[in-house]
Amino acid sequence: MYLEQLSIKGKTALITGGGRGLGEHMAKALAEAGANVAVAARSTHQLQQVVHEIKEAGGQAEAFTVDVSVQDQVEELVDKTVAAFGDLDVVFNNAGATLVKPALQYTSEDWDKIWKVNVNGVFYGCQAAARYWVAKKRGGKIINMGSIAGLRGGSAVYIGYSTTKAAVINMTRALAVEWARYGITVNAIAPGQFDTDMTAELHKDPETSKKVLRKIPARRIGNPVEMGALALYLASKGSDFITGEVIVIDGGTINK
């Protein structure tokens, strides 16, 4: 009875930003658990590699290129996923951008670009999925990628990132309340430091790495496999009574 609540076999999941980093690991975890996975991103080459590896391992996956900042493309992405697998059960709005730049040096173009990807892109994904489920008179699950930077701010050079992630977190809470009556759950994940290709450069310098680890009570950075396991739970029936929540996975950093 309990293990059945955690099964996602035969479900269809759509993951944006799935060509690398945490998105890639979430896609592989879902596929390994028996879900059909639509992996979307701007880089066709990276997507094809991820899909190839999933299929080599016996999973089901398809790659779709998308710019999440363009609403029409996101709506088409939902249509393509349904066409490929016959349905849609879970959406992970994981695609995001960052810009390491002091706030005083930001241009209007910088601000618009990061906002369009991190906020508009997430909203378009939420809205397109919800429209599909409401039309079908059925529920679904949305998981948005936030960050601990969106919960307490961060370094000034990440002003755009922390601001947009805060917006994603409150968008998640608001949509969860509005769409609960449709059986749609909306939650967010707020990760801390994880071992991905995007953080590899940060940890190349031993002194920088030590400074990072000192801020983490667990004294280590996260393993992407741990993010994959969390994705499985949030995609499963076992999380049906969880909505409007921000799941922090950071080794205790936010509490320090």
C-alpha atoms as a PDB file:
ATOM      1  CA  MET A   1       0.000   0.000   0.000  1.00  0.00           C
ATOM      2  CA  TYR A   2       2.710   2.488   0.959  1.00  0.00           C
ATOM      3  CA  LEU A   3       5.089   1.744  -1.900  1.00  0.00           C
ATOM      4  CA  GLU A   4       2.229   2.102  -4.377  1.00  0.00           C
ATOM      5  CA  GLN A   5       1.889   5.723  -3.270  1.00  0.00           C
ATOM      6  CA  LEU A   6       5.436   6.351  -4.482  1.00  0.00           C
ATOM      7  CA  SER A   7       5.070   4.723  -7.899  1.00  0.00           C
ATOM      8  CA  ILE A   8       5.188   6.905 -11.007  1.00  0.00           C
ATOM      9  CA  LYS A   9       5.337   4.059 -13.515  1.00  0.00           C
ATOM     10  CA  GLY A  10       3.490   4.954 -16.688  1.00  0.00           C
ATOM     11  CA  LYS A  11       3.132   8.628 -15.759  1.00  0.00           C
ATOM     12  CA  THR A  12       4.312  11.362 -18.106  1.00  0.00           C
ATOM     13  CA  ALA A  13       6.608  14.099 -16.824  1.00  0.00           C
ATOM     14  CA  LEU A  14       7.830  17.221 -18.609  1.00  0.00           C
ATOM     15  CA  ILE A  15      11.080  18.825 -17.445  1.00  0.00           C
ATOM     16  CA  THR A  16      12.385  22.130 -18.773  1.00  0.00           C
ATOM     17  CA  GLY A  17      16.093  22.799 -18.432  1.00  0.00           C
ATOM     18  CA  GLY A  18      16.572  19.046 -18.588  1.00  0.00           C
ATOM     19  CA  GLY A  19      19.667  18.995 -20.752  1.00  0.00           C
ATOM     20  CA  ARG A  20      22.152  19.369 -17.905  1.00  0.00           C
ATOM     21  CA  GLY A  21      22.631  19.931 -14.188  1.00  0.00           C
ATOM     22  CA  LEU A  22      19.871  19.074 -11.743  1.00  0.00           C
ATOM     23  CA  GLY A  23      17.281  18.900 -14.525  1.00  0.00           C
ATOM     24  CA  GLU A  24      19.204  16.099 -16.197  1.00  0.00           C
ATOM     25  CA  HIS A  25      19.375  14.103 -12.966  1.00  0.00           C
ATOM     26  CA  MET A  26      15.683  14.591 -12.254  1.00  0.00           C
ATOM     27  CA  ALA A  27      14.841  13.422 -15.773  1.00  0.00           C
ATOM     28  CA  LYS A  28      16.970  10.301 -15.391  1.00  0.00           C
ATOM     29  CA  ALA A  29      15.484   9.522 -11.966  1.00  0.00           C
ATOM     30  CA  LEU A  30      11.922   9.780 -13.266  1.00  0.00           C
ATOM     31  CA  ALA A  31      12.718   7.644 -16.302  1.00  0.00           C
ATOM     32  CA  GLU A  32      14.429   5.020 -14.153  1.00  0.00           C
ATOM     33  CA  ALA A  33      11.267   4.832 -12.035  1.00  0.00           C
ATOM     34  CA  GLY A  34       9.190   4.068 -15.124  1.00  0.00           C
ATOM     35  CA  ALA A  35       7.846   7.474 -16.162  1.00  0.00           C
ATOM     36  CA  ASN A  36       7.718   8.759 -19.731  1.00  0.00           C
ATOM     37  CA  VAL A  37       9.912  11.844 -19.759  1.00  0.00           C
ATOM     38  CA  ALA A  38       9.789  14.851 -22.074  1.00  0.00           C
ATOM     39  CA  VAL A  39      13.084  16.713 -21.712  1.00  0.00           C
ATOM     40  CA  ALA A  40      13.156  20.300 -22.948  1.00  0.00           C
ATOM     41  CA  ALA A  41      15.834  22.975 -23.232  1.00  0.00           C
ATOM     42  CA  ARG A  42      17.410  25.352 -25.736  1.00  0.00           C
ATOM     43  CA  SER A  43      20.417  23.136 -26.485  1.00  0.00           C
ATOM     44  CA  THR A  44      19.453  20.335 -28.868  1.00  0.00           C
ATOM     45  CA  HIS A  45      22.791  18.537 -28.503  1.00  0.00           C
ATOM     46  CA  GLN A  46      22.582  18.286 -24.715  1.00  0.00           C
ATOM     47  CA  LEU A  47      18.973  17.107 -24.855  1.00  0.00           C
ATOM     48  CA  GLN A  48      19.733  14.389 -27.366  1.00  0.00           C
ATOM     49  CA  GLN A  49      22.564  13.106 -25.192  1.00  0.00           C
ATOM     50  CA  VAL A  50      20.325  12.902 -22.124  1.00  0.00           C
ATOM     51  CA  VAL A  51      17.558  11.137 -24.058  1.00  0.00           C
ATOM     52  CA  HIS A  52      20.083   8.721 -25.550  1.00  0.00           C
ATOM     53  CA  GLU A  53      21.372   7.799 -22.090  1.00  0.00           C
ATOM     54  CA  ILE A  54      17.833   7.322 -20.762  1.00  0.00           C
ATOM     55  CA  LYS A  55      16.892   5.059 -23.653  1.00  0.00           C
ATOM     56  CA  GLU A  56      20.151   3.103 -23.333  1.00  0.00           C
ATOM     57  CA  ALA A  57      19.146   2.409 -19.727  1.00  0.00           C
ATOM     58  CA  GLY A  58      15.732   1.156 -20.834  1.00  0.00           C
ATOM     59  CA  GLY A  59      13.702   4.293 -20.165  1.00  0.00           C
ATOM     60  CA  GLN A  60      11.262   6.261 -22.303  1.00  0.00           C
ATOM     61  CA  ALA A  61      12.136   9.847 -23.230  1.00  0.00           C
ATOM     62  CA  GLU A  62      11.799  12.427 -25.977  1.00  0.00           C
ATOM     63  CA  ALA A  63      13.684  15.685 -26.524  1.00  0.00           C
ATOM     64  CA  PHE A  64      12.078  19.015 -27.396  1.00  0.00           C
ATOM     65  CA  THR A  65      13.822  22.323 -27.930  1.00  0.00           C
ATOM     66  CA  VAL A  66      12.165  25.326 -26.310  1.00  0.00           C
ATOM     67  CA  ASP A  67      12.804  28.885 -25.203  1.00  0.00           C
ATOM     68  CA  VAL A  68      10.702  29.132 -22.046  1.00  0.00           C
ATOM     69  CA  SER A  69      10.626  32.930 -22.272  1.00  0.00           C
ATOM     70  CA  VAL A  70       8.378  32.620 -25.347  1.00  0.00           C
ATOM     71  CA  GLN A  71       4.830  31.736 -24.310  1.00  0.00           C
ATOM     72  CA  ASP A  72       3.783  30.175 -27.618  1.00  0.00           C
ATOM     73  CA  GLN A  73       6.736  27.787 -27.494  1.00  0.00           C
ATOM     74  CA  VAL A  74       5.838  26.650 -23.975  1.00  0.00           C
ATOM     75  CA  GLU A  75       2.224  26.015 -24.958  1.00  0.00           C
ATOM     76  CA  GLU A  76       3.420  24.055 -27.990  1.00  0.00           C
ATOM     77  CA  LEU A  77       5.748  22.079 -25.708  1.00  0.00           C
ATOM     78  CA  VAL A  78       2.788  20.827 -23.672  1.00  0.00           C
ATOM     79  CA  ASP A  79       0.982  19.869 -26.907  1.00  0.00           C
ATOM     80  CA  LYS A  80       4.064  18.023 -28.207  1.00  0.00           C
ATOM     81  CA  THR A  81       4.471  16.132 -24.931  1.00  0.00           C
ATOM     82  CA  VAL A  82       0.845  14.992 -25.021  1.00  0.00           C
ATOM     83  CA  ALA A  83       1.204  14.022 -28.685  1.00  0.00           C
ATOM     84  CA  ALA A  84       4.301  11.963 -27.907  1.00  0.00           C
ATOM     85  CA  PHE A  85       3.048  10.138 -24.810  1.00  0.00           C
ATOM     86  CA  GLY A  86      -0.735  10.531 -24.819  1.00  0.00           C
ATOM     87  CA  ASP A  87      -1.031  12.538 -21.613  1.00  0.00           C
ATOM     88  CA  LEU A  88       0.733  14.794 -19.116  1.00  0.00           C
ATOM     89  CA  ASP A  89       0.841  14.240 -15.353  1.00  0.00           C
ATOM     90  CA  VAL A  90       3.744  16.237 -13.938  1.00  0.00           C
ATOM     91  CA  VAL A  91       5.568  19.418 -14.968  1.00  0.00           C
ATOM     92  CA  PHE A  92       8.943  20.458 -13.581  1.00  0.00           C
ATOM     93  CA  ASN A  93       9.643  24.125 -14.405  1.00  0.00           C
ATOM     94  CA  ASN A  94      13.380  23.829 -13.935  1.00  0.00           C
ATOM     95  CA  ALA A  95      14.842  26.035 -16.698  1.00  0.00           C
ATOM     96  CA  GLY A  96      16.572  29.099 -15.316  1.00  0.00           C
ATOM     97  CA  ALA A  97      19.304  31.654 -15.837  1.00  0.00           C
ATOM     98  CA  THR A  98      21.746  33.520 -13.641  1.00  0.00           C
ATOM     99  CA  LEU A  99      23.963  36.536 -14.070  1.00  0.00           C
ATOM    100  CA  VAL A 100      26.942  37.256 -11.820  1.00  0.00           C
ATOM    101  CA  LYS A 101      27.018  41.022 -11.847  1.00  0.00           C
ATOM    102  CA  PRO A 102      26.820  43.815  -9.240  1.00  0.00           C
ATOM    103  CA  ALA A 103      23.386  45.451  -9.093  1.00  0.00           C
ATOM    104  CA  LEU A 104      24.778  48.873 -10.005  1.00  0.00           C
ATOM    105  CA  GLN A 105      26.090  47.449 -13.284  1.00  0.00           C
ATOM    106  CA  TYR A 106      22.793  45.873 -14.378  1.00  0.00           C
ATOM    107  CA  THR A 107      21.275  47.196 -17.587  1.00  0.00           C
ATOM    108  CA  SER A 108      17.568  47.108 -18.353  1.00  0.00           C
ATOM    109  CA  GLU A 109      18.355  44.382 -20.879  1.00  0.00           C
ATOM    110  CA  ASP A 110      20.076  42.289 -18.176  1.00  0.00           C
ATOM    111  CA  TRP A 111      17.087  42.623 -15.870  1.00  0.00           C
ATOM    112  CA  ASP A 112      14.523  41.842 -18.565  1.00  0.00           C
ATOM    113  CA  LYS A 113      16.436  38.775 -19.752  1.00  0.00           C
ATOM    114  CA  ILE A 114      16.748  37.073 -16.369  1.00  0.00           C
ATOM    115  CA  TRP A 115      13.150  37.953 -15.454  1.00  0.00           C
ATOM    116  CA  LYS A 116      11.792  36.561 -18.743  1.00  0.00           C
ATOM    117  CA  VAL A 117      13.469  33.181 -18.200  1.00  0.00           C
ATOM    118  CA  ASN A 118      13.208  32.746 -14.432  1.00  0.00           C
ATOM    119  CA  VAL A 119       9.760  34.216 -13.832  1.00  0.00           C
ATOM    120  CA  ASN A 120       7.852  34.484 -17.101  1.00  0.00           C
ATOM    121  CA  GLY A 121       9.117  31.074 -18.215  1.00  0.00           C
ATOM    122  CA  VAL A 122       7.943  29.419 -14.997  1.00  0.00           C
ATOM    123  CA  PHE A 123       4.540  31.096 -15.183  1.00  0.00           C
ATOM    124  CA  TYR A 124       4.062  30.075 -18.814  1.00  0.00           C
ATOM    125  CA  GLY A 125       4.869  26.473 -17.865  1.00  0.00           C
ATOM    126  CA  CYS A 126       2.439  26.520 -14.950  1.00  0.00           C
ATOM    127  CA  GLN A 127      -0.319  28.108 -16.994  1.00  0.00           C
ATOM    128  CA  ALA A 128       0.029  25.830 -20.032  1.00  0.00           C
ATOM    129  CA  ALA A 129      -0.069  22.700 -17.872  1.00  0.00           C
ATOM    130  CA  ALA A 130      -3.008  23.942 -15.788  1.00  0.00           C
ATOM    131  CA  ARG A 131      -5.003  24.821 -18.888  1.00  0.00           C
ATOM    132  CA  TYR A 132      -4.526  21.289 -20.184  1.00  0.00           C
ATOM    133  CA  TRP A 133      -5.609  19.676 -16.914  1.00  0.00           C
ATOM    134  CA  VAL A 134      -8.598  21.972 -16.370  1.00  0.00           C
ATOM    135  CA  ALA A 135      -9.795  21.250 -19.918  1.00  0.00           C
ATOM    136  CA  LYS A 136      -9.448  17.528 -19.223  1.00  0.00           C
ATOM    137  CA  LYS A 137     -11.232  17.943 -15.857  1.00  0.00           C
ATOM    138  CA  ARG A 138      -8.378  16.252 -14.022  1.00  0.00           C
ATOM    139  CA  GLY A 139      -5.574  17.201 -11.660  1.00  0.00           C
ATOM    140  CA  GLY A 140      -1.842  17.331 -12.107  1.00  0.00           C
ATOM    141  CA  LYS A 141       1.402  18.235 -10.392  1.00  0.00           C
ATOM    142  CA  ILE A 142       3.632  21.265 -10.900  1.00  0.00           C
ATOM    143  CA  ILE A 143       7.066  21.559  -9.320  1.00  0.00           C
ATOM    144  CA  ASN A 144       8.935  24.838  -9.750  1.00  0.00           C
ATOM    145  CA  MET A 145      12.654  25.294  -9.206  1.00  0.00           C
ATOM    146  CA  GLY A 146      13.358  27.959  -6.616  1.00  0.00           C
ATOM    147  CA  SER A 147      16.508  28.449  -4.551  1.00  0.00           C
ATOM    148  CA  ILE A 148      17.500  29.207  -0.981  1.00  0.00           C
ATOM    149  CA  ALA A 149      18.628  32.550  -2.435  1.00  0.00           C
ATOM    150  CA  GLY A 150      14.952  33.259  -3.039  1.00  0.00           C
ATOM    151  CA  LEU A 151      14.170  32.681   0.635  1.00  0.00           C
ATOM    152  CA  ARG A 152      16.756  34.908   2.223  1.00  0.00           C
ATOM    153  CA  GLY A 153      18.514  36.811  -0.526  1.00  0.00           C
ATOM    154  CA  GLY A 154      22.128  36.289  -1.389  1.00  0.00           C
ATOM    155  CA  SER A 155      25.311  37.937  -2.538  1.00  0.00           C
ATOM    156  CA  ALA A 156      24.788  41.263  -4.282  1.00  0.00           C
ATOM    157  CA  VAL A 157      26.286  39.867  -7.483  1.00  0.00           C
ATOM    158  CA  TYR A 158      23.299  37.497  -7.684  1.00  0.00           C
ATOM    159  CA  ILE A 159      20.644  40.215  -7.315  1.00  0.00           C
ATOM    160  CA  GLY A 160      18.733  39.139 -10.411  1.00  0.00           C
ATOM    161  CA  TYR A 161      18.838  35.467  -9.495  1.00  0.00           C
ATOM    162  CA  SER A 162      17.734  35.878  -5.872  1.00  0.00           C
ATOM    163  CA  THR A 163      14.979  38.347  -6.799  1.00  0.00           C
ATOM    164  CA  THR A 164      13.500  36.156  -9.509  1.00  0.00           C
ATOM    165  CA  LYS A 165      13.689  33.025  -7.359  1.00  0.00           C
ATOM    166  CA  ALA A 166      11.785  34.866  -4.615  1.00  0.00           C
ATOM    167  CA  ALA A 167       9.139  35.637  -7.223  1.00  0.00           C
ATOM    168  CA  VAL A 168       8.953  31.972  -8.226  1.00  0.00           C
ATOM    169  CA  ILE A 169       8.450  30.921  -4.609  1.00  0.00           C
ATOM    170  CA  ASN A 170       5.556  33.318  -4.055  1.00  0.00           C
ATOM    171  CA  MET A 171       4.079  32.500  -7.451  1.00  0.00           C
ATOM    172  CA  THR A 172       4.101  28.870  -6.361  1.00  0.00           C
ATOM    173  CA  ARG A 173       2.222  29.653  -3.156  1.00  0.00           C
ATOM    174  CA  ALA A 174      -0.372  31.805  -4.920  1.00  0.00           C
ATOM    175  CA  LEU A 175      -1.067  29.301  -7.703  1.00  0.00           C
ATOM    176  CA  ALA A 176      -1.339  26.460  -5.194  1.00  0.00           C
ATOM    177  CA  VAL A 177      -4.230  28.248  -3.490  1.00  0.00           C
ATOM    178  CA  GLU A 178      -5.933  29.259  -6.737  1.00  0.00           C
ATOM    179  CA  TRP A 179      -5.693  25.861  -8.417  1.00  0.00           C
ATOM    180  CA  ALA A 180      -6.294  23.537  -5.461  1.00  0.00           C
ATOM    181  CA  ARG A 181      -9.978  23.269  -6.432  1.00  0.00           C
ATOM    182  CA  TYR A 182      -8.918  21.735  -9.729  1.00  0.00           C
ATOM    183  CA  GLY A 183      -6.846  19.039  -8.052  1.00  0.00           C
ATOM    184  CA  ILE A 184      -3.621  20.691  -9.206  1.00  0.00           C
ATOM    185  CA  THR A 185      -0.773  20.808  -6.683  1.00  0.00           C
ATOM    186  CA  VAL A 186       1.968  23.413  -7.033  1.00  0.00           C
ATOM    187  CA  ASN A 187       5.184  23.124  -5.027  1.00  0.00           C
ATOM    188  CA  ALA A 188       8.725  24.460  -5.253  1.00  0.00           C
ATOM    189  CA  ILE A 189      12.172  23.048  -4.547  1.00  0.00           C
ATOM    190  CA  ALA A 190      14.766  25.360  -2.994  1.00  0.00           C
ATOM    191  CA  PRO A 191      18.216  23.797  -3.408  1.00  0.00           C
ATOM    192  CA  GLY A 192      21.462  24.949  -1.928  1.00  0.00           C
ATOM    193  CA  GLN A 193      24.882  24.000  -3.317  1.00  0.00           C
ATOM    194  CA  PHE A 194      24.909  20.880  -5.507  1.00  0.00           C
ATOM    195  CA  ASP A 195      27.634  19.071  -7.390  1.00  0.00           C
ATOM    196  CA  THR A 196      26.852  19.910 -11.029  1.00  0.00           C
ATOM    197  CA  ASP A 197      28.765  21.151 -14.051  1.00  0.00           C
ATOM    198  CA  MET A 198      27.597  24.667 -13.174  1.00  0.00           C
ATOM    199  CA  THR A 199      29.245  24.598  -9.725  1.00  0.00           C
ATOM    200  CA  ALA A 200      32.360  22.666 -10.740  1.00  0.00           C
ATOM    201  CA  GLU A 201      34.299  25.857 -11.498  1.00  0.00           C
ATOM    202  CA  LEU A 202      33.483  27.216  -8.047  1.00  0.00           C
ATOM    203  CA  HIS A 203      35.030  24.211  -6.329  1.00  0.00           C
ATOM    204  CA  LYS A 204      38.204  24.051  -8.402  1.00  0.00           C
ATOM    205  CA  ASP A 205      39.940  26.488  -6.074  1.00  0.00           C
ATOM    206  CA  PRO A 206      40.530  24.745  -2.691  1.00  0.00           C
ATOM    207  CA  GLU A 207      40.212  27.958  -0.676  1.00  0.00           C
ATOM    208  CA  THR A 208      36.939  28.930  -2.351  1.00  0.00           C
ATOM    209  CA  SER A 209      35.632  25.416  -1.838  1.00  0.00           C
ATOM    210  CA  LYS A 210      36.477  25.560   1.874  1.00  0.00           C
ATOM    211  CA  LYS A 211      34.605  28.850   2.245  1.00  0.00           C
ATOM    212  CA  VAL A 212      31.538  27.336   0.611  1.00  0.00           C
ATOM    213  CA  LEU A 213      31.625  24.235   2.804  1.00  0.00           C
ATOM    214  CA  ARG A 214      31.969  26.306   5.986  1.00  0.00           C
ATOM    215  CA  LYS A 215      28.537  27.797   5.238  1.00  0.00           C
ATOM    216  CA  ILE A 216      26.930  24.347   5.028  1.00  0.00           C
ATOM    217  CA  PRO A 217      26.270  22.626   8.393  1.00  0.00           C
ATOM    218  CA  ALA A 218      26.389  19.212   6.690  1.00  0.00           C
ATOM    219  CA  ARG A 219      29.950  20.116   5.532  1.00  0.00           C
ATOM    220  CA  ARG A 220      29.356  18.841   2.008  1.00  0.00           C
ATOM    221  CA  ILE A 221      27.584  19.883  -1.155  1.00  0.00           C
ATOM    222  CA  GLY A 222      24.539  18.025  -2.417  1.00  0.00           C
ATOM    223  CA  ASN A 223      24.649  14.950  -4.614  1.00  0.00           C
ATOM    224  CA  PRO A 224      22.376  15.320  -7.677  1.00  0.00           C
ATOM    225  CA  VAL A 225      21.055  11.818  -6.957  1.00  0.00           C
ATOM    226  CA  GLU A 226      19.441  13.293  -3.842  1.00  0.00           C
ATOM    227  CA  MET A 227      17.609  15.828  -5.996  1.00  0.00           C
ATOM    228  CA  GLY A 228      16.421  13.007  -8.239  1.00  0.00           C
ATOM    229  CA  ALA A 229      14.977  11.175  -5.236  1.00  0.00           C
ATOM    230  CA  LEU A 230      13.095  14.312  -4.125  1.00  0.00           C
ATOM    231  CA  ALA A 231      11.727  14.750  -7.646  1.00  0.00           C
ATOM    232  CA  LEU A 232      10.375  11.194  -7.543  1.00  0.00           C
ATOM    233  CA  TYR A 233       8.503  11.851  -4.320  1.00  0.00           C
ATOM    234  CA  LEU A 234       6.991  15.144  -5.483  1.00  0.00           C
ATOM    235  CA  ALA A 235       5.894  13.513  -8.747  1.00  0.00           C
ATOM    236  CA  SER A 236       4.223  10.602  -6.942  1.00  0.00           C
ATOM    237  CA  LYS A 237       0.763  10.173  -5.451  1.00  0.00           C
ATOM    238  CA  GLY A 238       2.406  10.182  -2.029  1.00  0.00           C
ATOM    239  CA  SER A 239       2.723  13.981  -2.258  1.00  0.00           C
ATOM    240  CA  ASP A 240      -0.940  14.605  -3.175  1.00  0.00           C
ATOM    241  CA  PHE A 241      -1.706  16.462   0.075  1.00  0.00           C
ATOM    242  CA  ILE A 242       1.314  18.744  -0.234  1.00  0.00           C
ATOM    243  CA  THR A 243       0.748  22.006  -2.095  1.00  0.00           C
ATOM    244  CA  GLY A 244       2.052  25.554  -1.829  1.00  0.00           C
ATOM    245  CA  GLU A 245       5.174  24.303  -0.077  1.00  0.00           C
ATOM    246  CA  VAL A 246       8.843  25.116  -0.604  1.00  0.00           C
ATOM    247  CA  ILE A 247      10.986  22.032  -0.036  1.00  0.00           C
ATOM    248  CA  VAL A 248      14.456  23.130   1.054  1.00  0.00           C
ATOM    249  CA  ILE A 249      17.305  20.737   0.251  1.00  0.00           C
ATOM    250  CA  ASP A 250      20.544  22.411   1.306  1.00  0.00           C
ATOM    251  CA  GLY A 251      22.323  20.507   4.096  1.00  0.00           C
ATOM    252  CA  GLY A 252      21.044  22.980   6.689  1.00  0.00           C
ATOM    253  CA  THR A 253      22.441  26.146   5.083  1.00  0.00           C
ATOM    254  CA  ILE A 254      19.245  28.164   5.343  1.00  0.00           C
ATOM    255  CA  ASN A 255      19.119  27.588   9.117  1.00  0.00           C
ATOM    256  CA  LYS A 256      22.665  28.712   9.849  1.00  0.00           C
END
